Amino acid sequence: MSTINSQPSSNSCLEGVNLSKLEIALENCNKIIKKYPNSALALNARSMLFILLDEDDLACKDIEKGISLIKNKTITNDRLLIHELKTRHKNCIQSRTISEND
């Protein structure tokens, strides 16, 4: 089990994740996001945890906030992060469309 040290970084959200203890990982990630609320990297990581916990709506909220940070140019030019957020955002839109049509 990974614990957060006194100086977590915004990219340590998934550090030491144990798939059988996702709730603990989510708690750690929540602490990091509280410290770094505008970290698209941490939001992206937490969205993955939400997906694994079958909390797709919460995952999509984090993804949308990350996309908003990209649009407002408040994050660095991390192409992989931008690609991941945009890809997940498309999945969120597609899931909502499917849900609305059911």
PDB file of N, CA and C in Angstrom:
ATOM      1  N   MET A   1       0.841  -1.180   0.000  1.00  0.00           N
ATOM      2  CA  MET A   1       0.000   0.000   0.000  1.00  0.00           C
ATOM      3  C   MET A   1       0.878   1.232   0.000  1.00  0.00           C
ATOM      4  N   SER A   2       0.540   2.169  -0.843  1.00  0.00           N
ATOM      5  CA  SER A   2       1.288   3.407  -0.921  1.00  0.00           C
ATOM      6  C   SER A   2       0.634   4.448  -0.029  1.00  0.00           C
ATOM      7  N   THR A   3       1.450   5.241   0.600  1.00  0.00           N
ATOM      8  CA  THR A   3       0.919   6.339   1.393  1.00  0.00           C
ATOM      9  C   THR A   3       1.449   7.636   0.837  1.00  0.00           C
ATOM     10  N   ILE A   4       0.740   8.680   1.125  1.00  0.00           N
ATOM     11  CA  ILE A   4       1.163   9.993   0.662  1.00  0.00           C
ATOM     12  C   ILE A   4       2.138  10.563   1.675  1.00  0.00           C
ATOM     13  N   ASN A   5       3.268  11.036   1.185  1.00  0.00           N
ATOM     14  CA  ASN A   5       4.188  11.686   2.100  1.00  0.00           C
ATOM     15  C   ASN A   5       3.735  13.122   2.319  1.00  0.00           C
ATOM     16  N   SER A   6       4.472  13.874   3.101  1.00  0.00           N
ATOM     17  CA  SER A   6       4.038  15.225   3.428  1.00  0.00           C
ATOM     18  C   SER A   6       4.118  16.166   2.228  1.00  0.00           C
ATOM     19  N   GLN A   7       4.837  15.784   1.209  1.00  0.00           N
ATOM     20  CA  GLN A   7       4.972  16.619   0.020  1.00  0.00           C
ATOM     21  C   GLN A   7       4.582  15.842  -1.241  1.00  0.00           C
ATOM     22  N   PRO A   8       3.300  15.498  -1.403  1.00  0.00           N
ATOM     23  CA  PRO A   8       2.918  14.756  -2.611  1.00  0.00           C
ATOM     24  C   PRO A   8       3.050  15.641  -3.835  1.00  0.00           C
ATOM     25  N   SER A   9       3.282  15.010  -4.952  1.00  0.00           N
ATOM     26  CA  SER A   9       3.308  15.762  -6.198  1.00  0.00           C
ATOM     27  C   SER A   9       2.031  15.457  -6.972  1.00  0.00           C
ATOM     28  N   SER A  10       1.720  16.316  -7.897  1.00  0.00           N
ATOM     29  CA  SER A  10       0.476  16.143  -8.648  1.00  0.00           C
ATOM     30  C   SER A  10       0.488  14.908  -9.523  1.00  0.00           C
ATOM     31  N   ASN A  11       1.666  14.322  -9.771  1.00  0.00           N
ATOM     32  CA  ASN A  11       1.725  13.136 -10.618  1.00  0.00           C
ATOM     33  C   ASN A  11       1.875  11.846  -9.815  1.00  0.00           C
ATOM     34  N   SER A  12       1.677  11.897  -8.491  1.00  0.00           N
ATOM     35  CA  SER A  12       1.841  10.697  -7.680  1.00  0.00           C
ATOM     36  C   SER A  12       0.519  10.023  -7.332  1.00  0.00           C
ATOM     37  N   CYS A  13      -0.541  10.386  -8.011  1.00  0.00           N
ATOM     38  CA  CYS A  13      -1.874   9.863  -7.718  1.00  0.00           C
ATOM     39  C   CYS A  13      -1.971   8.342  -7.848  1.00  0.00           C
ATOM     40  N   LEU A  14      -1.327   7.771  -8.815  1.00  0.00           N
ATOM     41  CA  LEU A  14      -1.438   6.332  -9.045  1.00  0.00           C
ATOM     42  C   LEU A  14      -0.220   5.560  -8.553  1.00  0.00           C
ATOM     43  N   GLU A  15       0.649   6.227  -7.846  1.00  0.00           N
ATOM     44  CA  GLU A  15       1.864   5.603  -7.358  1.00  0.00           C
ATOM     45  C   GLU A  15       1.532   4.463  -6.396  1.00  0.00           C
ATOM     46  N   GLY A  16       2.006   3.264  -6.695  1.00  0.00           N
ATOM     47  CA  GLY A  16       1.807   2.121  -5.822  1.00  0.00           C
ATOM     48  C   GLY A  16       0.376   1.626  -5.724  1.00  0.00           C
ATOM     49  N   VAL A  17      -0.433   1.840  -6.743  1.00  0.00           N
ATOM     50  CA  VAL A  17      -1.838   1.424  -6.701  1.00  0.00           C
ATOM     51  C   VAL A  17      -1.936  -0.090  -6.629  1.00  0.00           C
ATOM     52  N   ASN A  18      -2.796  -0.552  -5.740  1.00  0.00           N
ATOM     53  CA  ASN A  18      -3.101  -1.968  -5.584  1.00  0.00           C
ATOM     54  C   ASN A  18      -4.553  -2.147  -6.040  1.00  0.00           C
ATOM     55  N   LEU A  19      -4.769  -2.930  -7.075  1.00  0.00           N
ATOM     56  CA  LEU A  19      -6.113  -3.075  -7.637  1.00  0.00           C
ATOM     57  C   LEU A  19      -7.130  -3.624  -6.641  1.00  0.00           C
ATOM     58  N   SER A  20      -6.673  -4.305  -5.602  1.00  0.00           N
ATOM     59  CA  SER A  20      -7.609  -4.814  -4.601  1.00  0.00           C
ATOM     60  C   SER A  20      -7.922  -3.772  -3.524  1.00  0.00           C
ATOM     61  N   LYS A  21      -7.250  -2.616  -3.607  1.00  0.00           N
ATOM     62  CA  LYS A  21      -7.463  -1.541  -2.629  1.00  0.00           C
ATOM     63  C   LYS A  21      -7.660  -0.202  -3.331  1.00  0.00           C
ATOM     64  N   LEU A  22      -8.565  -0.191  -4.295  1.00  0.00           N
ATOM     65  CA  LEU A  22      -8.776   1.025  -5.080  1.00  0.00           C
ATOM     66  C   LEU A  22      -9.324   2.177  -4.251  1.00  0.00           C
ATOM     67  N   GLU A  23     -10.116   1.864  -3.224  1.00  0.00           N
ATOM     68  CA  GLU A  23     -10.684   2.929  -2.391  1.00  0.00           C
ATOM     69  C   GLU A  23      -9.576   3.696  -1.669  1.00  0.00           C
ATOM     70  N   ILE A  24      -8.538   2.982  -1.242  1.00  0.00           N
ATOM     71  CA  ILE A  24      -7.403   3.638  -0.590  1.00  0.00           C
ATOM     72  C   ILE A  24      -6.668   4.522  -1.593  1.00  0.00           C
ATOM     73  N   ALA A  25      -6.484   4.013  -2.790  1.00  0.00           N
ATOM     74  CA  ALA A  25      -5.838   4.800  -3.841  1.00  0.00           C
ATOM     75  C   ALA A  25      -6.660   6.055  -4.141  1.00  0.00           C
ATOM     76  N   LEU A  26      -7.982   5.912  -4.150  1.00  0.00           N
ATOM     77  CA  LEU A  26      -8.851   7.063  -4.401  1.00  0.00           C
ATOM     78  C   LEU A  26      -8.720   8.090  -3.285  1.00  0.00           C
ATOM     79  N   GLU A  27      -8.665   7.647  -2.049  1.00  0.00           N
ATOM     80  CA  GLU A  27      -8.479   8.574  -0.929  1.00  0.00           C
ATOM     81  C   GLU A  27      -7.170   9.346  -1.078  1.00  0.00           C
ATOM     82  N   ASN A  28      -6.103   8.633  -1.433  1.00  0.00           N
ATOM     83  CA  ASN A  28      -4.808   9.285  -1.647  1.00  0.00           C
ATOM     84  C   ASN A  28      -4.887  10.299  -2.784  1.00  0.00           C
ATOM     85  N   CYS A  29      -5.538   9.909  -3.843  1.00  0.00           N
ATOM     86  CA  CYS A  29      -5.672  10.796  -4.999  1.00  0.00           C
ATOM     87  C   CYS A  29      -6.502  12.031  -4.640  1.00  0.00           C
ATOM     88  N   ASN A  30      -7.549  11.846  -3.860  1.00  0.00           N
ATOM     89  CA  ASN A  30      -8.365  12.979  -3.423  1.00  0.00           C
ATOM     90  C   ASN A  30      -7.529  13.986  -2.633  1.00  0.00           C
ATOM     91  N   LYS A  31      -6.624  13.480  -1.791  1.00  0.00           N
ATOM     92  CA  LYS A  31      -5.742  14.371  -1.022  1.00  0.00           C
ATOM     93  C   LYS A  31      -4.826  15.157  -1.944  1.00  0.00           C
ATOM     94  N   ILE A  32      -4.320  14.490  -2.958  1.00  0.00           N
ATOM     95  CA  ILE A  32      -3.440  15.160  -3.913  1.00  0.00           C
ATOM     96  C   ILE A  32      -4.209  16.228  -4.687  1.00  0.00           C
ATOM     97  N   ILE A  33      -5.420  15.900  -5.115  1.00  0.00           N
ATOM     98  CA  ILE A  33      -6.212  16.871  -5.880  1.00  0.00           C
ATOM     99  C   ILE A  33      -6.631  18.039  -4.989  1.00  0.00           C
ATOM    100  N   LYS A  34      -6.842  17.789  -3.721  1.00  0.00           N
ATOM    101  CA  LYS A  34      -7.144  18.893  -2.800  1.00  0.00           C
ATOM    102  C   LYS A  34      -5.962  19.864  -2.754  1.00  0.00           C
ATOM    103  N   LYS A  35      -4.749  19.308  -2.768  1.00  0.00           N
ATOM    104  CA  LYS A  35      -3.550  20.151  -2.749  1.00  0.00           C
ATOM    105  C   LYS A  35      -3.271  20.792  -4.116  1.00  0.00           C
ATOM    106  N   TYR A  36      -3.593  20.067  -5.195  1.00  0.00           N
ATOM    107  CA  TYR A  36      -3.344  20.537  -6.562  1.00  0.00           C
ATOM    108  C   TYR A  36      -4.650  20.501  -7.360  1.00  0.00           C
ATOM    109  N   PRO A  37      -5.612  21.373  -7.059  1.00  0.00           N
ATOM    110  CA  PRO A  37      -6.927  21.291  -7.709  1.00  0.00           C
ATOM    111  C   PRO A  37      -6.910  21.555  -9.214  1.00  0.00           C
ATOM    112  N   ASN A  38      -5.870  22.181  -9.696  1.00  0.00           N
ATOM    113  CA  ASN A  38      -5.787  22.463 -11.130  1.00  0.00           C
ATOM    114  C   ASN A  38      -4.781  21.575 -11.841  1.00  0.00           C
ATOM    115  N   SER A  39      -4.545  20.403 -11.290  1.00  0.00           N
ATOM    116  CA  SER A  39      -3.634  19.452 -11.922  1.00  0.00           C
ATOM    117  C   SER A  39      -4.425  18.525 -12.834  1.00  0.00           C
ATOM    118  N   ALA A  40      -4.322  18.767 -14.121  1.00  0.00           N
ATOM    119  CA  ALA A  40      -4.994  17.897 -15.086  1.00  0.00           C
ATOM    120  C   ALA A  40      -4.429  16.482 -14.999  1.00  0.00           C
ATOM    121  N   LEU A  41      -3.164  16.355 -14.654  1.00  0.00           N
ATOM    122  CA  LEU A  41      -2.537  15.046 -14.518  1.00  0.00           C
ATOM    123  C   LEU A  41      -3.186  14.251 -13.379  1.00  0.00           C
ATOM    124  N   ALA A  42      -3.381  14.891 -12.235  1.00  0.00           N
ATOM    125  CA  ALA A  42      -4.020  14.218 -11.097  1.00  0.00           C
ATOM    126  C   ALA A  42      -5.491  13.918 -11.399  1.00  0.00           C
ATOM    127  N   LEU A  43      -6.182  14.829 -12.054  1.00  0.00           N
ATOM    128  CA  LEU A  43      -7.577  14.589 -12.429  1.00  0.00           C
ATOM    129  C   LEU A  43      -7.687  13.419 -13.394  1.00  0.00           C
ATOM    130  N   ASN A  44      -6.763  13.340 -14.327  1.00  0.00           N
ATOM    131  CA  ASN A  44      -6.744  12.233 -15.272  1.00  0.00           C
ATOM    132  C   ASN A  44      -6.530  10.911 -14.541  1.00  0.00           C
ATOM    133  N   ALA A  45      -5.606  10.901 -13.590  1.00  0.00           N
ATOM    134  CA  ALA A  45      -5.337   9.684 -12.814  1.00  0.00           C
ATOM    135  C   ALA A  45      -6.554   9.288 -11.987  1.00  0.00           C
ATOM    136  N   ARG A  46      -7.189  10.275 -11.339  1.00  0.00           N
ATOM    137  CA  ARG A  46      -8.361   9.944 -10.533  1.00  0.00           C
ATOM    138  C   ARG A  46      -9.501   9.437 -11.408  1.00  0.00           C
ATOM    139  N   SER A  47      -9.604   9.962 -12.614  1.00  0.00           N
ATOM    140  CA  SER A  47     -10.659   9.477 -13.515  1.00  0.00           C
ATOM    141  C   SER A  47     -10.467   7.987 -13.806  1.00  0.00           C
ATOM    142  N   MET A  48      -9.211   7.544 -13.922  1.00  0.00           N
ATOM    143  CA  MET A  48      -8.960   6.114 -14.139  1.00  0.00           C
ATOM    144  C   MET A  48      -9.420   5.294 -12.930  1.00  0.00           C
ATOM    145  N   LEU A  49      -9.173   5.811 -11.733  1.00  0.00           N
ATOM    146  CA  LEU A  49      -9.639   5.109 -10.534  1.00  0.00           C
ATOM    147  C   LEU A  49     -11.158   5.039 -10.500  1.00  0.00           C
ATOM    148  N   PHE A  50     -11.813   6.142 -10.836  1.00  0.00           N
ATOM    149  CA  PHE A  50     -13.277   6.143 -10.872  1.00  0.00           C
ATOM    150  C   PHE A  50     -13.804   5.123 -11.880  1.00  0.00           C
ATOM    151  N   ILE A  51     -13.153   5.026 -13.025  1.00  0.00           N
ATOM    152  CA  ILE A  51     -13.579   4.052 -14.032  1.00  0.00           C
ATOM    153  C   ILE A  51     -13.441   2.631 -13.475  1.00  0.00           C
ATOM    154  N   LEU A  52     -12.328   2.355 -12.835  1.00  0.00           N
ATOM    155  CA  LEU A  52     -12.116   1.031 -12.250  1.00  0.00           C
ATOM    156  C   LEU A  52     -13.124   0.729 -11.135  1.00  0.00           C
ATOM    157  N   LEU A  53     -13.610   1.774 -10.470  1.00  0.00           N
ATOM    158  CA  LEU A  53     -14.603   1.618  -9.409  1.00  0.00           C
ATOM    159  C   LEU A  53     -16.032   1.689  -9.944  1.00  0.00           C
ATOM    160  N   ASP A  54     -16.172   1.716 -11.272  1.00  0.00           N
ATOM    161  CA  ASP A  54     -17.480   1.781 -11.934  1.00  0.00           C
ATOM    162  C   ASP A  54     -18.246   3.053 -11.575  1.00  0.00           C
ATOM    163  N   GLU A  55     -17.513   4.149 -11.463  1.00  0.00           N
ATOM    164  CA  GLU A  55     -18.090   5.474 -11.183  1.00  0.00           C
ATOM    165  C   GLU A  55     -17.841   6.368 -12.401  1.00  0.00           C
ATOM    166  N   ASP A  56     -18.456   5.972 -13.515  1.00  0.00           N
ATOM    167  CA  ASP A  56     -18.183   6.654 -14.779  1.00  0.00           C
ATOM    168  C   ASP A  56     -18.570   8.127 -14.768  1.00  0.00           C
ATOM    169  N   ASP A  57     -19.663   8.476 -14.090  1.00  0.00           N
ATOM    170  CA  ASP A  57     -20.074   9.887 -14.052  1.00  0.00           C
ATOM    171  C   ASP A  57     -19.021  10.751 -13.358  1.00  0.00           C
ATOM    172  N   LEU A  58     -18.473  10.245 -12.268  1.00  0.00           N
ATOM    173  CA  LEU A  58     -17.423  10.987 -11.562  1.00  0.00           C
ATOM    174  C   LEU A  58     -16.149  11.055 -12.403  1.00  0.00           C
ATOM    175  N   ALA A  59     -15.850   9.983 -13.104  1.00  0.00           N
ATOM    176  CA  ALA A  59     -14.687   9.987 -13.993  1.00  0.00           C
ATOM    177  C   ALA A  59     -14.851  11.059 -15.062  1.00  0.00           C
ATOM    178  N   CYS A  60     -16.033  11.137 -15.628  1.00  0.00           N
ATOM    179  CA  CYS A  60     -16.278  12.121 -16.688  1.00  0.00           C
ATOM    180  C   CYS A  60     -16.188  13.551 -16.166  1.00  0.00           C
ATOM    181  N   LYS A  61     -16.604  13.779 -14.932  1.00  0.00           N
ATOM    182  CA  LYS A  61     -16.468  15.124 -14.348  1.00  0.00           C
ATOM    183  C   LYS A  61     -15.001  15.523 -14.252  1.00  0.00           C
ATOM    184  N   ASP A  62     -14.152  14.601 -13.812  1.00  0.00           N
ATOM    185  CA  ASP A  62     -12.717  14.898 -13.743  1.00  0.00           C
ATOM    186  C   ASP A  62     -12.140  15.134 -15.130  1.00  0.00           C
ATOM    187  N   ILE A  63     -12.557  14.323 -16.086  1.00  0.00           N
ATOM    188  CA  ILE A  63     -12.067  14.469 -17.453  1.00  0.00           C
ATOM    189  C   ILE A  63     -12.489  15.821 -18.020  1.00  0.00           C
ATOM    190  N   GLU A  64     -13.736  16.209 -17.773  1.00  0.00           N
ATOM    191  CA  GLU A  64     -14.211  17.501 -18.272  1.00  0.00           C
ATOM    192  C   GLU A  64     -13.462  18.658 -17.634  1.00  0.00           C
ATOM    193  N   LYS A  65     -13.140  18.553 -16.347  1.00  0.00           N
ATOM    194  CA  LYS A  65     -12.351  19.608 -15.711  1.00  0.00           C
ATOM    195  C   LYS A  65     -10.952  19.641 -16.323  1.00  0.00           C
ATOM    196  N   GLY A  66     -10.363  18.478 -16.574  1.00  0.00           N
ATOM    197  CA  GLY A  66      -9.054  18.431 -17.215  1.00  0.00           C
ATOM    198  C   GLY A  66      -9.070  19.056 -18.597  1.00  0.00           C
ATOM    199  N   ILE A  67     -10.110  18.768 -19.362  1.00  0.00           N
ATOM    200  CA  ILE A  67     -10.273  19.372 -20.696  1.00  0.00           C
ATOM    201  C   ILE A  67     -10.392  20.889 -20.574  1.00  0.00           C
ATOM    202  N   SER A  68     -11.144  21.339 -19.579  1.00  0.00           N
ATOM    203  CA  SER A  68     -11.300  22.776 -19.348  1.00  0.00           C
ATOM    204  C   SER A  68      -9.948  23.427 -19.047  1.00  0.00           C
ATOM    205  N   LEU A  69      -9.121  22.752 -18.258  1.00  0.00           N
ATOM    206  CA  LEU A  69      -7.792  23.282 -17.962  1.00  0.00           C
ATOM    207  C   LEU A  69      -6.945  23.380 -19.226  1.00  0.00           C
ATOM    208  N   ILE A  70      -7.084  22.400 -20.106  1.00  0.00           N
ATOM    209  CA  ILE A  70      -6.364  22.446 -21.380  1.00  0.00           C
ATOM    210  C   ILE A  70      -6.812  23.657 -22.193  1.00  0.00           C
ATOM    211  N   LYS A  71      -8.126  23.829 -22.293  1.00  0.00           N
ATOM    212  CA  LYS A  71      -8.661  24.937 -23.089  1.00  0.00           C
ATOM    213  C   LYS A  71      -8.253  26.288 -22.533  1.00  0.00           C
ATOM    214  N   ASN A  72      -8.128  26.370 -21.213  1.00  0.00           N
ATOM    215  CA  ASN A  72      -7.742  27.635 -20.575  1.00  0.00           C
ATOM    216  C   ASN A  72      -6.232  27.808 -20.497  1.00  0.00           C
ATOM    217  N   LYS A  73      -5.515  26.852 -21.082  1.00  0.00           N
ATOM    218  CA  LYS A  73      -4.043  26.907 -21.152  1.00  0.00           C
ATOM    219  C   LYS A  73      -3.402  26.976 -19.778  1.00  0.00           C
ATOM    220  N   THR A  74      -4.002  26.304 -18.794  1.00  0.00           N
ATOM    221  CA  THR A  74      -3.424  26.334 -17.450  1.00  0.00           C
ATOM    222  C   THR A  74      -2.535  25.125 -17.188  1.00  0.00           C
ATOM    223  N   ILE A  75      -2.323  24.291 -18.203  1.00  0.00           N
ATOM    224  CA  ILE A  75      -1.420  23.156 -18.021  1.00  0.00           C
ATOM    225  C   ILE A  75      -0.301  23.235 -19.042  1.00  0.00           C
ATOM    226  N   THR A  76       0.733  22.478 -18.780  1.00  0.00           N
ATOM    227  CA  THR A  76       1.858  22.451 -19.699  1.00  0.00           C
ATOM    228  C   THR A  76       1.475  21.703 -20.970  1.00  0.00           C
ATOM    229  N   ASN A  77       2.342  21.720 -21.908  1.00  0.00           N
ATOM    230  CA  ASN A  77       2.086  21.122 -23.212  1.00  0.00           C
ATOM    231  C   ASN A  77       2.435  19.633 -23.220  1.00  0.00           C
ATOM    232  N   ASP A  78       1.816  18.862 -22.338  1.00  0.00           N
ATOM    233  CA  ASP A  78       2.041  17.424 -22.237  1.00  0.00           C
ATOM    234  C   ASP A  78       1.124  16.735 -23.248  1.00  0.00           C
ATOM    235  N   ARG A  79       1.680  16.371 -24.384  1.00  0.00           N
ATOM    236  CA  ARG A  79       0.872  15.818 -25.481  1.00  0.00           C
ATOM    237  C   ARG A  79       0.179  14.515 -25.120  1.00  0.00           C
ATOM    238  N   LEU A  80       0.848  13.656 -24.359  1.00  0.00           N
ATOM    239  CA  LEU A  80       0.238  12.387 -23.967  1.00  0.00           C
ATOM    240  C   LEU A  80      -0.963  12.636 -23.054  1.00  0.00           C
ATOM    241  N   LEU A  81      -0.821  13.516 -22.087  1.00  0.00           N
ATOM    242  CA  LEU A  81      -1.919  13.849 -21.188  1.00  0.00           C
ATOM    243  C   LEU A  81      -3.092  14.438 -21.967  1.00  0.00           C
ATOM    244  N   ILE A  82      -2.805  15.341 -22.856  1.00  0.00           N
ATOM    245  CA  ILE A  82      -3.860  15.951 -23.674  1.00  0.00           C
ATOM    246  C   ILE A  82      -4.578  14.880 -24.492  1.00  0.00           C
ATOM    247  N   HIS A  83      -3.824  13.977 -25.095  1.00  0.00           N
ATOM    248  CA  HIS A  83      -4.412  12.894 -25.887  1.00  0.00           C
ATOM    249  C   HIS A  83      -5.300  12.006 -25.013  1.00  0.00           C
ATOM    250  N   GLU A  84      -4.798  11.627 -23.834  1.00  0.00           N
ATOM    251  CA  GLU A  84      -5.582  10.773 -22.940  1.00  0.00           C
ATOM    252  C   GLU A  84      -6.888  11.454 -22.528  1.00  0.00           C
ATOM    253  N   LEU A  85      -6.816  12.716 -22.143  1.00  0.00           N
ATOM    254  CA  LEU A  85      -8.022  13.439 -21.724  1.00  0.00           C
ATOM    255  C   LEU A  85      -9.022  13.558 -22.877  1.00  0.00           C
ATOM    256  N   LYS A  86      -8.534  13.884 -24.053  1.00  0.00           N
ATOM    257  CA  LYS A  86      -9.442  14.018 -25.199  1.00  0.00           C
ATOM    258  C   LYS A  86     -10.077  12.677 -25.566  1.00  0.00           C
ATOM    259  N   THR A  87      -9.296  11.601 -25.499  1.00  0.00           N
ATOM    260  CA  THR A  87      -9.835  10.275 -25.810  1.00  0.00           C
ATOM    261  C   THR A  87     -10.896   9.877 -24.795  1.00  0.00           C
ATOM    262  N   ARG A  88     -10.599  10.072 -23.521  1.00  0.00           N
ATOM    263  CA  ARG A  88     -11.581   9.737 -22.482  1.00  0.00           C
ATOM    264  C   ARG A  88     -12.816  10.628 -22.577  1.00  0.00           C
ATOM    265  N   HIS A  89     -12.613  11.880 -22.964  1.00  0.00           N
ATOM    266  CA  HIS A  89     -13.747  12.791 -23.116  1.00  0.00           C
ATOM    267  C   HIS A  89     -14.682  12.298 -24.218  1.00  0.00           C
ATOM    268  N   LYS A  90     -14.129  11.824 -25.309  1.00  0.00           N
ATOM    269  CA  LYS A  90     -14.952  11.257 -26.387  1.00  0.00           C
ATOM    270  C   LYS A  90     -15.751  10.065 -25.877  1.00  0.00           C
ATOM    271  N   ASN A  91     -15.113   9.232 -25.042  1.00  0.00           N
ATOM    272  CA  ASN A  91     -15.821   8.088 -24.463  1.00  0.00           C
ATOM    273  C   ASN A  91     -16.956   8.537 -23.555  1.00  0.00           C
ATOM    274  N   CYS A  92     -16.744   9.597 -22.803  1.00  0.00           N
ATOM    275  CA  CYS A  92     -17.806  10.135 -21.938  1.00  0.00           C
ATOM    276  C   CYS A  92     -18.993  10.602 -22.772  1.00  0.00           C
ATOM    277  N   ILE A  93     -18.702  11.313 -23.837  1.00  0.00           N
ATOM    278  CA  ILE A  93     -19.773  11.802 -24.713  1.00  0.00           C
ATOM    279  C   ILE A  93     -20.528  10.630 -25.328  1.00  0.00           C
ATOM    280  N   GLN A  94     -19.794   9.633 -25.781  1.00  0.00           N
ATOM    281  CA  GLN A  94     -20.417   8.458 -26.390  1.00  0.00           C
ATOM    282  C   GLN A  94     -21.275   7.711 -25.364  1.00  0.00           C
ATOM    283  N   SER A  95     -20.789   7.554 -24.154  1.00  0.00           N
ATOM    284  CA  SER A  95     -21.554   6.860 -23.112  1.00  0.00           C
ATOM    285  C   SER A  95     -22.840   7.600 -22.785  1.00  0.00           C
ATOM    286  N   ARG A  96     -22.755   8.924 -22.694  1.00  0.00           N
ATOM    287  CA  ARG A  96     -23.963   9.715 -22.425  1.00  0.00           C
ATOM    288  C   ARG A  96     -24.978   9.571 -23.549  1.00  0.00           C
ATOM    289  N   THR A  97     -24.500   9.586 -24.776  1.00  0.00           N
ATOM    290  CA  THR A  97     -25.389   9.445 -25.923  1.00  0.00           C
ATOM    291  C   THR A  97     -26.087   8.094 -25.899  1.00  0.00           C
ATOM    292  N   ILE A  98     -25.337   7.052 -25.586  1.00  0.00           N
ATOM    293  CA  ILE A  98     -25.927   5.703 -25.506  1.00  0.00           C
ATOM    294  C   ILE A  98     -26.946   5.646 -24.385  1.00  0.00           C
ATOM    295  N   SER A  99     -26.622   6.208 -23.232  1.00  0.00           N
ATOM    296  CA  SER A  99     -27.541   6.205 -22.092  1.00  0.00           C
ATOM    297  C   SER A  99     -28.819   6.954 -22.400  1.00  0.00           C
ATOM    298  N   GLU A 100     -28.705   8.066 -23.101  1.00  0.00           N
ATOM    299  CA  GLU A 100     -29.877   8.871 -23.448  1.00  0.00           C
ATOM    300  C   GLU A 100     -30.774   8.141 -24.435  1.00  0.00           C
ATOM    301  N   ASN A 101     -30.189   7.281 -25.275  1.00  0.00           N
ATOM    302  CA  ASN A 101     -30.970   6.574 -26.286  1.00  0.00           C
ATOM    303  C   ASN A 101     -31.572   5.257 -25.783  1.00  0.00           C
ATOM    304  N   ASP A 102     -31.193   4.849 -24.569  1.00  0.00           N
ATOM    305  CA  ASP A 102     -31.746   3.600 -24.009  1.00  0.00           C
ATOM    306  C   ASP A 102     -33.136   3.803 -23.444  1.00  0.00           C
TER     307      ASP A 102
END
